[in-house]
Amino acid sequence: MFAMTQRLCSGAWRAAAVAWVLGLFMAFQAQATEAPEALIQRIATEVIDAVKADPAIQSGDIGKVVALVDGKIMPYVSFTRMTASAVGRFWRQATPAQRQRLEAEFKILLVRTYAGALGQVRDQTLVLKPMRSRPEDTEVVVRSELRGRGDPVQLDYRMEKTDRGWKVYDLNVLGVWLVDTYRTQFSQEINARGIDGLIETLAQRNRSNAGKAG
């Protein structure tokens, strides 16, 4: 009887394990096929709700902001492409170690730059604009406005379709694309001091801004 009970329990556990794995797979598939505009709407809603619920983020707590960005935003950002685009033609010249440093320092810079903006979120909502896309498209632009008090803020997202779903690789705020802005700055720095010079400049800026928001 005991042996039979063991076999039954073992079989039940195996069935539960299979169901769990299948559930994860189906969840991943659903996420991977999520439409780009639906993805942006969901992420924006989750981030805005998280900011509204956390006074520490509203006050510019860098640790909390980093945790929010890492948990809610970064999984849906093609950050290697974003960094490579910002570095431009010099990216091909960078070593793997330099690329890793560039990504790390650029991420810190962006998080701290926009920490202040996140702290200003109060009653805003993201409203998507109509978009036209085809099932075979691999790159799209999702256009939206952040509405609340004051004038609406234009927010557009360049997105690419990857084997892990849609990911953002550039952001337009009030008509200015982030990657274009940094590409100009980075190019000037690399021409003057080389790739290592750019890395050191970013690192110094991040150290001086440590603990600050905005």
N, C-alpha and C. Protein backbone atom coordinates (compact mmCIF):
# COMPACT_ATOMS: atom_id res chain seq x y z
N MET A 1 0.83 -1.20 0.00
CA MET A 1 0.00 0.00 0.00
C MET A 1 0.87 1.25 0.00
N PHE A 2 1.90 1.26 0.86
CA PHE A 2 2.80 2.40 0.94
C PHE A 2 3.48 2.65 -0.40
N ALA A 3 3.94 1.55 -1.04
CA ALA A 3 4.62 1.66 -2.33
C ALA A 3 3.66 2.22 -3.37
N MET A 4 2.41 1.75 -3.34
CA MET A 4 1.42 2.24 -4.30
C MET A 4 1.15 3.73 -4.08
N THR A 5 1.06 4.12 -2.80
CA THR A 5 0.84 5.53 -2.48
C THR A 5 1.99 6.38 -2.98
N GLN A 6 3.23 5.85 -2.81
CA GLN A 6 4.40 6.57 -3.29
C GLN A 6 4.33 6.77 -4.80
N ARG A 7 3.95 5.68 -5.51
CA ARG A 7 3.88 5.78 -6.96
C ARG A 7 2.82 6.80 -7.39
N LEU A 8 1.67 6.79 -6.69
CA LEU A 8 0.61 7.72 -7.02
C LEU A 8 1.05 9.17 -6.78
N CYS A 9 1.71 9.40 -5.64
CA CYS A 9 2.19 10.73 -5.30
C CYS A 9 3.26 11.18 -6.30
N SER A 10 4.15 10.22 -6.64
CA SER A 10 5.20 10.55 -7.59
C SER A 10 4.61 10.94 -8.93
N GLY A 11 3.58 10.17 -9.35
CA GLY A 11 2.93 10.49 -10.60
C GLY A 11 2.24 11.84 -10.55
N ALA A 12 1.64 12.16 -9.42
CA ALA A 12 0.96 13.45 -9.28
C ALA A 12 1.96 14.60 -9.34
N TRP A 13 3.10 14.39 -8.68
CA TRP A 13 4.13 15.43 -8.70
C TRP A 13 4.68 15.64 -10.10
N ARG A 14 4.88 14.53 -10.83
CA ARG A 14 5.38 14.66 -12.20
C ARG A 14 4.38 15.42 -13.07
N ALA A 15 3.09 15.09 -12.88
CA ALA A 15 2.05 15.78 -13.65
C ALA A 15 2.02 17.27 -13.31
N ALA A 16 2.18 17.58 -12.02
CA ALA A 16 2.18 18.97 -11.59
C ALA A 16 3.39 19.71 -12.18
N ALA A 17 4.53 19.03 -12.19
CA ALA A 17 5.75 19.64 -12.73
C ALA A 17 5.59 19.92 -14.22
N VAL A 18 5.02 18.95 -14.94
CA VAL A 18 4.81 19.14 -16.38
C VAL A 18 3.86 20.32 -16.61
N ALA A 19 2.78 20.37 -15.82
CA ALA A 19 1.81 21.46 -15.97
C ALA A 19 2.47 22.81 -15.69
N TRP A 20 3.35 22.84 -14.68
CA TRP A 20 4.04 24.08 -14.33
C TRP A 20 4.94 24.54 -15.47
N VAL A 21 5.70 23.59 -16.03
CA VAL A 21 6.60 23.93 -17.15
C VAL A 21 5.79 24.42 -18.34
N LEU A 22 4.69 23.71 -18.65
CA LEU A 22 3.86 24.12 -19.77
C LEU A 22 3.25 25.50 -19.52
N GLY A 23 2.88 25.77 -18.27
CA GLY A 23 2.33 27.07 -17.93
C GLY A 23 3.34 28.18 -18.16
N LEU A 24 4.59 27.93 -17.75
CA LEU A 24 5.64 28.91 -17.98
C LEU A 24 5.86 29.14 -19.47
N PHE A 25 5.85 28.04 -20.22
CA PHE A 25 6.07 28.14 -21.66
C PHE A 25 4.96 28.96 -22.32
N MET A 26 3.73 28.69 -21.92
CA MET A 26 2.61 29.42 -22.50
C MET A 26 2.65 30.90 -22.12
N ALA A 27 3.06 31.18 -20.87
CA ALA A 27 3.18 32.57 -20.44
C ALA A 27 4.25 33.28 -21.25
N PHE A 28 5.35 32.58 -21.49
CA PHE A 28 6.44 33.18 -22.28
C PHE A 28 5.97 33.44 -23.70
N GLN A 29 5.25 32.47 -24.28
CA GLN A 29 4.75 32.64 -25.63
C GLN A 29 3.80 33.83 -25.73
N ALA A 30 2.95 33.98 -24.71
CA ALA A 30 2.00 35.09 -24.72
C ALA A 30 2.74 36.41 -24.65
N GLN A 31 3.80 36.46 -23.82
CA GLN A 31 4.59 37.67 -23.70
C GLN A 31 5.32 37.96 -25.00
N ALA A 32 5.86 36.91 -25.63
CA ALA A 32 6.66 37.09 -26.84
C ALA A 32 5.82 37.59 -28.00
N THR A 33 4.51 37.27 -28.01
CA THR A 33 3.66 37.67 -29.12
C THR A 33 2.83 38.90 -28.79
N GLU A 34 3.08 39.53 -27.66
CA GLU A 34 2.34 40.72 -27.26
C GLU A 34 2.59 41.84 -28.27
N ALA A 35 1.54 42.47 -28.73
CA ALA A 35 1.67 43.54 -29.71
C ALA A 35 2.49 44.69 -29.12
N PRO A 36 3.26 45.40 -29.95
CA PRO A 36 4.14 46.45 -29.42
C PRO A 36 3.40 47.54 -28.66
N GLU A 37 2.27 48.00 -29.20
CA GLU A 37 1.53 49.05 -28.51
C GLU A 37 0.93 48.56 -27.19
N ALA A 38 0.51 47.29 -27.16
CA ALA A 38 -0.02 46.71 -25.92
C ALA A 38 1.09 46.59 -24.88
N LEU A 39 2.28 46.24 -25.34
CA LEU A 39 3.43 46.11 -24.44
C LEU A 39 3.76 47.47 -23.81
N ILE A 40 3.82 48.51 -24.63
CA ILE A 40 4.13 49.85 -24.12
C ILE A 40 3.07 50.30 -23.12
N GLN A 41 1.81 50.07 -23.44
CA GLN A 41 0.73 50.46 -22.54
C GLN A 41 0.83 49.74 -21.20
N ARG A 42 1.12 48.46 -21.25
CA ARG A 42 1.22 47.68 -20.01
C ARG A 42 2.40 48.14 -19.15
N ILE A 43 3.56 48.30 -19.77
CA ILE A 43 4.73 48.70 -19.01
C ILE A 43 4.51 50.09 -18.40
N ALA A 44 3.98 51.02 -19.21
CA ALA A 44 3.76 52.37 -18.72
C ALA A 44 2.81 52.37 -17.53
N THR A 45 1.75 51.59 -17.62
CA THR A 45 0.79 51.52 -16.53
C THR A 45 1.43 50.96 -15.27
N GLU A 46 2.21 49.90 -15.43
CA GLU A 46 2.87 49.29 -14.26
C GLU A 46 3.87 50.25 -13.61
N VAL A 47 4.64 50.96 -14.44
CA VAL A 47 5.63 51.90 -13.90
C VAL A 47 4.95 53.07 -13.20
N ILE A 48 3.94 53.66 -13.85
CA ILE A 48 3.23 54.80 -13.25
C ILE A 48 2.58 54.38 -11.93
N ASP A 49 1.95 53.23 -11.92
CA ASP A 49 1.32 52.75 -10.69
C ASP A 49 2.35 52.53 -9.59
N ALA A 50 3.53 51.99 -9.96
CA ALA A 50 4.58 51.74 -8.97
C ALA A 50 5.11 53.05 -8.39
N VAL A 51 5.27 54.06 -9.23
CA VAL A 51 5.75 55.36 -8.75
C VAL A 51 4.73 55.99 -7.82
N LYS A 52 3.47 55.96 -8.21
CA LYS A 52 2.42 56.56 -7.38
C LYS A 52 2.32 55.89 -6.02
N ALA A 53 2.66 54.61 -5.95
CA ALA A 53 2.49 53.86 -4.71
C ALA A 53 3.72 53.94 -3.80
N ASP A 54 4.81 54.53 -4.27
CA ASP A 54 6.05 54.52 -3.50
C ASP A 54 6.58 55.93 -3.29
N PRO A 55 6.42 56.50 -2.09
CA PRO A 55 6.91 57.85 -1.81
C PRO A 55 8.42 57.97 -1.98
N ALA A 56 9.16 56.88 -1.77
CA ALA A 56 10.62 56.93 -1.91
C ALA A 56 11.02 57.21 -3.35
N ILE A 57 10.32 56.59 -4.30
CA ILE A 57 10.60 56.85 -5.71
C ILE A 57 10.24 58.29 -6.05
N GLN A 58 9.13 58.78 -5.53
CA GLN A 58 8.70 60.15 -5.79
C GLN A 58 9.71 61.16 -5.26
N SER A 59 10.43 60.80 -4.21
CA SER A 59 11.43 61.71 -3.64
C SER A 59 12.79 61.55 -4.31
N GLY A 60 12.89 60.62 -5.29
CA GLY A 60 14.13 60.47 -6.05
C GLY A 60 15.11 59.48 -5.48
N ASP A 61 14.64 58.53 -4.69
CA ASP A 61 15.53 57.49 -4.13
C ASP A 61 16.13 56.68 -5.28
N ILE A 62 17.45 56.84 -5.49
CA ILE A 62 18.11 56.20 -6.63
C ILE A 62 18.01 54.68 -6.55
N GLY A 63 18.18 54.13 -5.38
CA GLY A 63 18.09 52.68 -5.23
C GLY A 63 16.74 52.14 -5.65
N LYS A 64 15.69 52.83 -5.23
CA LYS A 64 14.35 52.41 -5.60
C LYS A 64 14.10 52.60 -7.10
N VAL A 65 14.62 53.70 -7.65
CA VAL A 65 14.45 53.95 -9.08
C VAL A 65 15.15 52.87 -9.90
N VAL A 66 16.39 52.54 -9.50
CA VAL A 66 17.15 51.50 -10.21
C VAL A 66 16.40 50.18 -10.15
N ALA A 67 15.87 49.84 -8.99
CA ALA A 67 15.13 48.59 -8.85
C ALA A 67 13.90 48.57 -9.74
N LEU A 68 13.21 49.72 -9.80
CA LEU A 68 12.01 49.81 -10.65
C LEU A 68 12.38 49.66 -12.12
N VAL A 69 13.43 50.36 -12.54
CA VAL A 69 13.86 50.29 -13.93
C VAL A 69 14.31 48.88 -14.29
N ASP A 70 15.11 48.27 -13.42
CA ASP A 70 15.60 46.91 -13.68
C ASP A 70 14.47 45.90 -13.76
N GLY A 71 13.48 46.07 -12.88
CA GLY A 71 12.41 45.08 -12.82
C GLY A 71 11.31 45.27 -13.84
N LYS A 72 10.98 46.53 -14.15
CA LYS A 72 9.82 46.81 -14.99
C LYS A 72 10.15 47.24 -16.41
N ILE A 73 11.34 47.83 -16.61
CA ILE A 73 11.64 48.42 -17.91
C ILE A 73 12.73 47.68 -18.68
N MET A 74 13.87 47.42 -18.03
CA MET A 74 15.01 46.86 -18.72
C MET A 74 14.74 45.53 -19.43
N PRO A 75 13.87 44.64 -18.91
CA PRO A 75 13.60 43.40 -19.64
C PRO A 75 13.02 43.64 -21.04
N TYR A 76 12.50 44.85 -21.28
CA TYR A 76 11.87 45.13 -22.56
C TYR A 76 12.65 46.17 -23.37
N VAL A 77 13.92 46.35 -23.02
CA VAL A 77 14.79 47.28 -23.73
C VAL A 77 15.92 46.51 -24.41
N SER A 78 16.13 46.79 -25.69
CA SER A 78 17.27 46.21 -26.40
C SER A 78 18.46 47.12 -26.13
N PHE A 79 19.04 46.97 -24.93
CA PHE A 79 20.00 47.97 -24.48
C PHE A 79 21.33 47.88 -25.22
N THR A 80 21.70 46.70 -25.65
CA THR A 80 22.93 46.60 -26.44
C THR A 80 22.79 47.39 -27.73
N ARG A 81 21.64 47.25 -28.41
CA ARG A 81 21.43 48.02 -29.64
C ARG A 81 21.38 49.51 -29.33
N MET A 82 20.72 49.89 -28.24
CA MET A 82 20.64 51.30 -27.89
C MET A 82 22.03 51.89 -27.67
N THR A 83 22.87 51.17 -26.92
CA THR A 83 24.22 51.66 -26.66
C THR A 83 25.04 51.70 -27.93
N ALA A 84 24.95 50.63 -28.74
CA ALA A 84 25.70 50.58 -29.99
C ALA A 84 25.30 51.73 -30.91
N SER A 85 24.00 52.04 -30.96
CA SER A 85 23.53 53.13 -31.82
C SER A 85 24.03 54.48 -31.31
N ALA A 86 24.08 54.63 -29.99
CA ALA A 86 24.55 55.89 -29.42
C ALA A 86 26.05 56.07 -29.65
N VAL A 87 26.81 54.99 -29.57
CA VAL A 87 28.26 55.06 -29.81
C VAL A 87 28.55 55.20 -31.31
N GLY A 88 27.64 54.70 -32.14
CA GLY A 88 27.78 54.86 -33.58
C GLY A 88 28.86 53.98 -34.18
N ARG A 89 29.56 54.51 -35.17
CA ARG A 89 30.55 53.72 -35.91
C ARG A 89 31.71 53.25 -35.03
N PHE A 90 31.89 53.90 -33.90
CA PHE A 90 32.99 53.52 -33.02
C PHE A 90 32.72 52.20 -32.29
N TRP A 91 31.46 51.77 -32.27
CA TRP A 91 31.11 50.53 -31.57
C TRP A 91 31.86 49.34 -32.15
N ARG A 92 32.06 49.34 -33.48
CA ARG A 92 32.77 48.23 -34.12
C ARG A 92 34.24 48.18 -33.70
N GLN A 93 34.77 49.31 -33.28
CA GLN A 93 36.16 49.37 -32.88
C GLN A 93 36.37 48.99 -31.41
N ALA A 94 35.31 48.98 -30.64
CA ALA A 94 35.41 48.70 -29.21
C ALA A 94 35.62 47.22 -28.95
N THR A 95 36.41 46.92 -27.93
CA THR A 95 36.62 45.54 -27.52
C THR A 95 35.40 45.06 -26.73
N PRO A 96 35.25 43.75 -26.55
CA PRO A 96 34.13 43.27 -25.72
C PRO A 96 34.12 43.89 -24.32
N ALA A 97 35.30 44.06 -23.72
CA ALA A 97 35.35 44.65 -22.39
C ALA A 97 34.90 46.11 -22.43
N GLN A 98 35.30 46.84 -23.46
CA GLN A 98 34.88 48.23 -23.59
C GLN A 98 33.38 48.34 -23.82
N ARG A 99 32.85 47.44 -24.63
CA ARG A 99 31.40 47.45 -24.87
C ARG A 99 30.64 47.20 -23.58
N GLN A 100 31.13 46.28 -22.78
CA GLN A 100 30.47 45.98 -21.51
C GLN A 100 30.47 47.20 -20.59
N ARG A 101 31.62 47.89 -20.53
CA ARG A 101 31.71 49.09 -19.70
C ARG A 101 30.81 50.20 -20.22
N LEU A 102 30.78 50.37 -21.54
CA LEU A 102 29.93 51.39 -22.13
C LEU A 102 28.46 51.15 -21.79
N GLU A 103 28.02 49.92 -21.92
CA GLU A 103 26.63 49.59 -21.59
C GLU A 103 26.33 49.88 -20.13
N ALA A 104 27.23 49.47 -19.25
CA ALA A 104 27.00 49.64 -17.81
C ALA A 104 26.94 51.11 -17.43
N GLU A 105 27.89 51.90 -17.91
CA GLU A 105 27.92 53.32 -17.55
C GLU A 105 26.78 54.08 -18.20
N PHE A 106 26.44 53.72 -19.43
CA PHE A 106 25.33 54.39 -20.13
C PHE A 106 24.01 54.12 -19.41
N LYS A 107 23.83 52.91 -18.95
CA LYS A 107 22.61 52.57 -18.22
C LYS A 107 22.49 53.40 -16.95
N ILE A 108 23.58 53.49 -16.18
CA ILE A 108 23.56 54.29 -14.95
C ILE A 108 23.22 55.74 -15.26
N LEU A 109 23.84 56.26 -16.33
CA LEU A 109 23.60 57.65 -16.72
C LEU A 109 22.13 57.88 -17.02
N LEU A 110 21.52 56.98 -17.80
CA LEU A 110 20.12 57.16 -18.18
C LEU A 110 19.20 57.05 -16.98
N VAL A 111 19.47 56.08 -16.11
CA VAL A 111 18.62 55.90 -14.92
C VAL A 111 18.65 57.15 -14.06
N ARG A 112 19.83 57.70 -13.84
CA ARG A 112 19.93 58.87 -12.97
C ARG A 112 19.40 60.13 -13.66
N THR A 113 19.53 60.17 -14.98
CA THR A 113 19.00 61.32 -15.71
C THR A 113 17.48 61.38 -15.60
N TYR A 114 16.84 60.22 -15.68
CA TYR A 114 15.39 60.19 -15.69
C TYR A 114 14.76 59.88 -14.34
N ALA A 115 15.60 59.75 -13.31
CA ALA A 115 15.05 59.52 -11.97
C ALA A 115 14.19 60.70 -11.54
N GLY A 116 14.66 61.90 -11.83
CA GLY A 116 13.89 63.08 -11.47
C GLY A 116 12.55 63.12 -12.18
N ALA A 117 12.53 62.71 -13.45
CA ALA A 117 11.28 62.70 -14.20
C ALA A 117 10.29 61.71 -13.60
N LEU A 118 10.80 60.55 -13.21
CA LEU A 118 9.91 59.56 -12.59
C LEU A 118 9.34 60.09 -11.28
N GLY A 119 10.16 60.84 -10.57
CA GLY A 119 9.70 61.38 -9.30
C GLY A 119 8.59 62.40 -9.44
N GLN A 120 8.42 62.96 -10.65
CA GLN A 120 7.39 63.96 -10.89
C GLN A 120 6.04 63.34 -11.28
N VAL A 121 6.01 62.02 -11.46
CA VAL A 121 4.77 61.36 -11.85
C VAL A 121 3.74 61.47 -10.72
N ARG A 122 2.57 61.98 -11.03
CA ARG A 122 1.50 62.09 -10.04
C ARG A 122 0.19 61.53 -10.60
N ASP A 123 -0.44 62.30 -11.48
CA ASP A 123 -1.74 61.88 -12.01
C ASP A 123 -1.68 61.61 -13.50
N GLN A 124 -0.48 61.40 -14.04
CA GLN A 124 -0.34 61.22 -15.48
C GLN A 124 -0.82 59.85 -15.94
N THR A 125 -1.22 59.83 -17.19
CA THR A 125 -1.56 58.57 -17.85
C THR A 125 -0.96 58.60 -19.25
N LEU A 126 -0.61 57.44 -19.77
CA LEU A 126 -0.06 57.34 -21.12
C LEU A 126 -1.18 57.01 -22.09
N VAL A 127 -1.32 57.84 -23.12
CA VAL A 127 -2.36 57.65 -24.13
C VAL A 127 -1.68 57.33 -25.45
N LEU A 128 -1.96 56.17 -26.00
CA LEU A 128 -1.36 55.76 -27.26
C LEU A 128 -2.07 56.40 -28.43
N LYS A 129 -1.29 56.75 -29.45
CA LYS A 129 -1.85 57.26 -30.68
C LYS A 129 -2.07 56.11 -31.66
N PRO A 130 -3.01 56.26 -32.58
CA PRO A 130 -3.25 55.18 -33.56
C PRO A 130 -1.98 54.87 -34.35
N MET A 131 -1.76 53.59 -34.60
CA MET A 131 -0.59 53.19 -35.38
C MET A 131 -1.00 52.15 -36.41
N ARG A 132 -0.25 52.13 -37.48
CA ARG A 132 -0.47 51.13 -38.52
C ARG A 132 0.76 50.24 -38.60
N SER A 133 0.54 48.97 -38.51
CA SER A 133 1.65 48.02 -38.63
C SER A 133 1.13 46.75 -39.28
N ARG A 134 2.06 46.01 -39.87
CA ARG A 134 1.72 44.75 -40.52
C ARG A 134 2.31 43.60 -39.73
N PRO A 135 1.71 42.43 -39.80
CA PRO A 135 2.23 41.28 -39.05
C PRO A 135 3.68 40.96 -39.36
N GLU A 136 4.12 41.27 -40.58
CA GLU A 136 5.50 40.94 -40.96
C GLU A 136 6.51 42.02 -40.56
N ASP A 137 6.05 43.14 -40.01
CA ASP A 137 6.97 44.20 -39.59
C ASP A 137 7.89 43.72 -38.47
N THR A 138 9.15 44.09 -38.56
CA THR A 138 10.12 43.76 -37.51
C THR A 138 10.59 45.00 -36.76
N GLU A 139 10.23 46.17 -37.25
CA GLU A 139 10.52 47.42 -36.56
C GLU A 139 9.31 48.35 -36.68
N VAL A 140 8.96 48.99 -35.58
CA VAL A 140 7.81 49.90 -35.58
C VAL A 140 8.11 51.10 -34.69
N VAL A 141 7.30 52.14 -34.83
CA VAL A 141 7.36 53.28 -33.93
C VAL A 141 6.00 53.39 -33.25
N VAL A 142 6.01 53.31 -31.93
CA VAL A 142 4.79 53.46 -31.14
C VAL A 142 4.76 54.90 -30.62
N ARG A 143 3.72 55.64 -30.98
CA ARG A 143 3.63 57.04 -30.59
C ARG A 143 2.61 57.20 -29.47
N SER A 144 2.93 58.08 -28.53
CA SER A 144 2.04 58.26 -27.39
C SER A 144 2.21 59.65 -26.81
N GLU A 145 1.33 59.97 -25.86
CA GLU A 145 1.43 61.22 -25.10
C GLU A 145 1.24 60.91 -23.63
N LEU A 146 2.03 61.56 -22.79
CA LEU A 146 1.85 61.46 -21.34
C LEU A 146 1.00 62.65 -20.94
N ARG A 147 -0.21 62.36 -20.48
CA ARG A 147 -1.17 63.42 -20.19
C ARG A 147 -1.45 63.52 -18.70
N GLY A 148 -1.60 64.72 -18.26
CA GLY A 148 -1.89 65.01 -16.86
C GLY A 148 -2.03 66.50 -16.71
N ARG A 149 -1.47 67.05 -15.65
CA ARG A 149 -1.47 68.49 -15.50
C ARG A 149 -0.50 69.11 -16.51
N GLY A 150 -0.90 70.26 -17.04
CA GLY A 150 -0.03 70.92 -17.99
C GLY A 150 -0.16 70.35 -19.39
N ASP A 151 0.76 70.75 -20.24
CA ASP A 151 0.73 70.30 -21.63
C ASP A 151 1.12 68.82 -21.72
N PRO A 152 0.54 68.10 -22.67
CA PRO A 152 0.92 66.70 -22.85
C PRO A 152 2.37 66.59 -23.31
N VAL A 153 3.02 65.50 -22.92
CA VAL A 153 4.42 65.26 -23.27
C VAL A 153 4.48 64.17 -24.33
N GLN A 154 5.08 64.49 -25.46
CA GLN A 154 5.23 63.51 -26.54
C GLN A 154 6.24 62.45 -26.14
N LEU A 155 5.85 61.17 -26.27
CA LEU A 155 6.74 60.05 -26.02
C LEU A 155 6.56 59.03 -27.15
N ASP A 156 7.61 58.83 -27.91
CA ASP A 156 7.57 57.84 -28.98
C ASP A 156 8.64 56.79 -28.74
N TYR A 157 8.37 55.57 -29.19
CA TYR A 157 9.28 54.46 -28.94
C TYR A 157 9.62 53.75 -30.25
N ARG A 158 10.90 53.63 -30.56
CA ARG A 158 11.33 52.77 -31.65
C ARG A 158 11.51 51.38 -31.08
N MET A 159 10.90 50.39 -31.75
CA MET A 159 10.92 49.03 -31.22
C MET A 159 11.33 48.04 -32.31
N GLU A 160 11.98 46.98 -31.89
CA GLU A 160 12.36 45.92 -32.81
C GLU A 160 11.80 44.59 -32.30
N LYS A 161 11.47 43.73 -33.25
CA LYS A 161 10.95 42.42 -32.90
C LYS A 161 12.11 41.44 -32.77
N THR A 162 12.26 40.82 -31.61
CA THR A 162 13.34 39.88 -31.36
C THR A 162 12.75 38.50 -31.08
N ASP A 163 13.63 37.53 -30.88
CA ASP A 163 13.12 36.20 -30.56
C ASP A 163 12.53 36.12 -29.16
N ARG A 164 12.65 37.21 -28.40
CA ARG A 164 12.04 37.29 -27.07
C ARG A 164 10.96 38.35 -27.00
N GLY A 165 10.40 38.67 -28.15
CA GLY A 165 9.32 39.64 -28.19
C GLY A 165 9.81 41.03 -28.59
N TRP A 166 8.91 42.00 -28.53
CA TRP A 166 9.24 43.37 -28.91
C TRP A 166 10.05 44.06 -27.83
N LYS A 167 11.06 44.83 -28.28
CA LYS A 167 11.91 45.57 -27.34
C LYS A 167 12.15 46.99 -27.85
N VAL A 168 12.27 47.90 -26.91
CA VAL A 168 12.53 49.31 -27.22
C VAL A 168 14.03 49.52 -27.42
N TYR A 169 14.40 50.29 -28.47
CA TYR A 169 15.82 50.60 -28.65
C TYR A 169 16.07 52.10 -28.81
N ASP A 170 15.01 52.92 -28.78
CA ASP A 170 15.21 54.36 -28.81
C ASP A 170 13.93 55.03 -28.28
N LEU A 171 14.09 56.23 -27.75
CA LEU A 171 12.98 56.95 -27.13
C LEU A 171 13.00 58.40 -27.59
N ASN A 172 11.84 58.90 -27.96
CA ASN A 172 11.69 60.28 -28.40
C ASN A 172 10.90 61.04 -27.35
N VAL A 173 11.50 62.08 -26.77
CA VAL A 173 10.82 62.93 -25.80
C VAL A 173 10.72 64.33 -26.37
N LEU A 174 9.48 64.79 -26.60
CA LEU A 174 9.23 66.13 -27.12
C LEU A 174 9.97 66.40 -28.43
N GLY A 175 10.01 65.39 -29.29
CA GLY A 175 10.60 65.56 -30.61
C GLY A 175 12.08 65.30 -30.71
N VAL A 176 12.71 64.92 -29.62
CA VAL A 176 14.16 64.67 -29.61
C VAL A 176 14.42 63.19 -29.33
N TRP A 177 15.08 62.51 -30.27
CA TRP A 177 15.41 61.11 -30.08
C TRP A 177 16.64 60.97 -29.19
N LEU A 178 16.53 60.13 -28.18
CA LEU A 178 17.59 59.97 -27.18
C LEU A 178 18.91 59.53 -27.81
N VAL A 179 18.85 58.53 -28.67
CA VAL A 179 20.07 57.98 -29.27
C VAL A 179 20.80 59.04 -30.10
N ASP A 180 20.04 59.83 -30.88
CA ASP A 180 20.67 60.87 -31.69
C ASP A 180 21.40 61.88 -30.82
N THR A 181 20.77 62.25 -29.72
CA THR A 181 21.36 63.23 -28.82
C THR A 181 22.69 62.73 -28.25
N TYR A 182 22.68 61.51 -27.77
CA TYR A 182 23.91 60.98 -27.17
C TYR A 182 24.96 60.63 -28.22
N ARG A 183 24.54 60.27 -29.43
CA ARG A 183 25.52 59.94 -30.46
C ARG A 183 26.42 61.14 -30.76
N THR A 184 25.82 62.31 -30.81
CA THR A 184 26.60 63.53 -31.06
C THR A 184 27.60 63.77 -29.93
N GLN A 185 27.13 63.65 -28.69
CA GLN A 185 28.00 63.86 -27.53
C GLN A 185 29.12 62.82 -27.48
N PHE A 186 28.74 61.57 -27.69
CA PHE A 186 29.73 60.48 -27.60
C PHE A 186 30.77 60.59 -28.71
N SER A 187 30.34 60.97 -29.91
CA SER A 187 31.27 61.09 -31.03
C SER A 187 32.32 62.15 -30.75
N GLN A 188 31.88 63.28 -30.20
CA GLN A 188 32.82 64.34 -29.86
C GLN A 188 33.83 63.87 -28.82
N GLU A 189 33.36 63.15 -27.83
CA GLU A 189 34.25 62.67 -26.76
C GLU A 189 35.23 61.63 -27.28
N ILE A 190 34.76 60.71 -28.12
CA ILE A 190 35.65 59.67 -28.65
C ILE A 190 36.69 60.28 -29.59
N ASN A 191 36.29 61.24 -30.41
CA ASN A 191 37.25 61.89 -31.29
C ASN A 191 38.34 62.60 -30.51
N ALA A 192 37.98 63.11 -29.34
CA ALA A 192 38.95 63.85 -28.53
C ALA A 192 39.78 62.94 -27.64
N ARG A 193 39.18 61.89 -27.08
CA ARG A 193 39.87 61.11 -26.06
C ARG A 193 39.83 59.60 -26.28
N GLY A 194 39.19 59.14 -27.33
CA GLY A 194 39.11 57.72 -27.59
C GLY A 194 37.98 57.06 -26.81
N ILE A 195 37.78 55.77 -27.05
CA ILE A 195 36.69 55.03 -26.40
C ILE A 195 36.89 54.98 -24.89
N ASP A 196 38.13 54.71 -24.45
CA ASP A 196 38.38 54.69 -23.01
C ASP A 196 38.12 56.05 -22.39
N GLY A 197 38.37 57.12 -23.15
CA GLY A 197 38.08 58.45 -22.65
C GLY A 197 36.60 58.66 -22.43
N LEU A 198 35.78 58.15 -23.36
CA LEU A 198 34.33 58.24 -23.19
C LEU A 198 33.88 57.46 -21.96
N ILE A 199 34.42 56.26 -21.80
CA ILE A 199 34.05 55.44 -20.64
C ILE A 199 34.38 56.17 -19.35
N GLU A 200 35.55 56.76 -19.29
CA GLU A 200 35.96 57.47 -18.07
C GLU A 200 35.10 58.69 -17.83
N THR A 201 34.74 59.40 -18.91
CA THR A 201 33.87 60.56 -18.76
C THR A 201 32.51 60.16 -18.20
N LEU A 202 31.94 59.07 -18.73
CA LEU A 202 30.66 58.59 -18.23
C LEU A 202 30.77 58.16 -16.77
N ALA A 203 31.85 57.46 -16.45
CA ALA A 203 32.05 56.98 -15.07
C ALA A 203 32.18 58.15 -14.11
N GLN A 204 32.94 59.18 -14.50
CA GLN A 204 33.10 60.35 -13.65
C GLN A 204 31.78 61.07 -13.44
N ARG A 205 31.01 61.19 -14.53
CA ARG A 205 29.70 61.84 -14.40
C ARG A 205 28.79 61.07 -13.48
N ASN A 206 28.83 59.73 -13.59
CA ASN A 206 27.99 58.90 -12.73
C ASN A 206 28.42 58.99 -11.27
N ARG A 207 29.73 59.05 -11.06
CA ARG A 207 30.20 59.17 -9.67
C ARG A 207 29.80 60.51 -9.07
N SER A 208 29.88 61.57 -9.85
CA SER A 208 29.53 62.89 -9.33
C SER A 208 28.04 63.02 -9.09
N ASN A 209 27.25 62.24 -9.85
CA ASN A 209 25.79 62.30 -9.70
C ASN A 209 25.25 61.25 -8.75
N ALA A 210 26.12 60.46 -8.14
CA ALA A 210 25.68 59.38 -7.25
C ALA A 210 24.81 59.96 -6.13
N GLY A 211 23.65 59.35 -5.98
CA GLY A 211 22.74 59.79 -4.92
C GLY A 211 21.85 60.94 -5.32
N LYS A 212 22.06 61.49 -6.53
CA LYS A 212 21.23 62.59 -6.99
C LYS A 212 20.18 62.08 -7.96
N ALA A 213 19.15 62.82 -8.14
CA ALA A 213 18.10 62.50 -9.10
C ALA A 213 17.98 63.65 -10.07
N GLY A 214 17.96 63.32 -11.39
CA GLY A 214 17.77 64.35 -12.39
C GLY A 214 19.08 64.92 -12.87
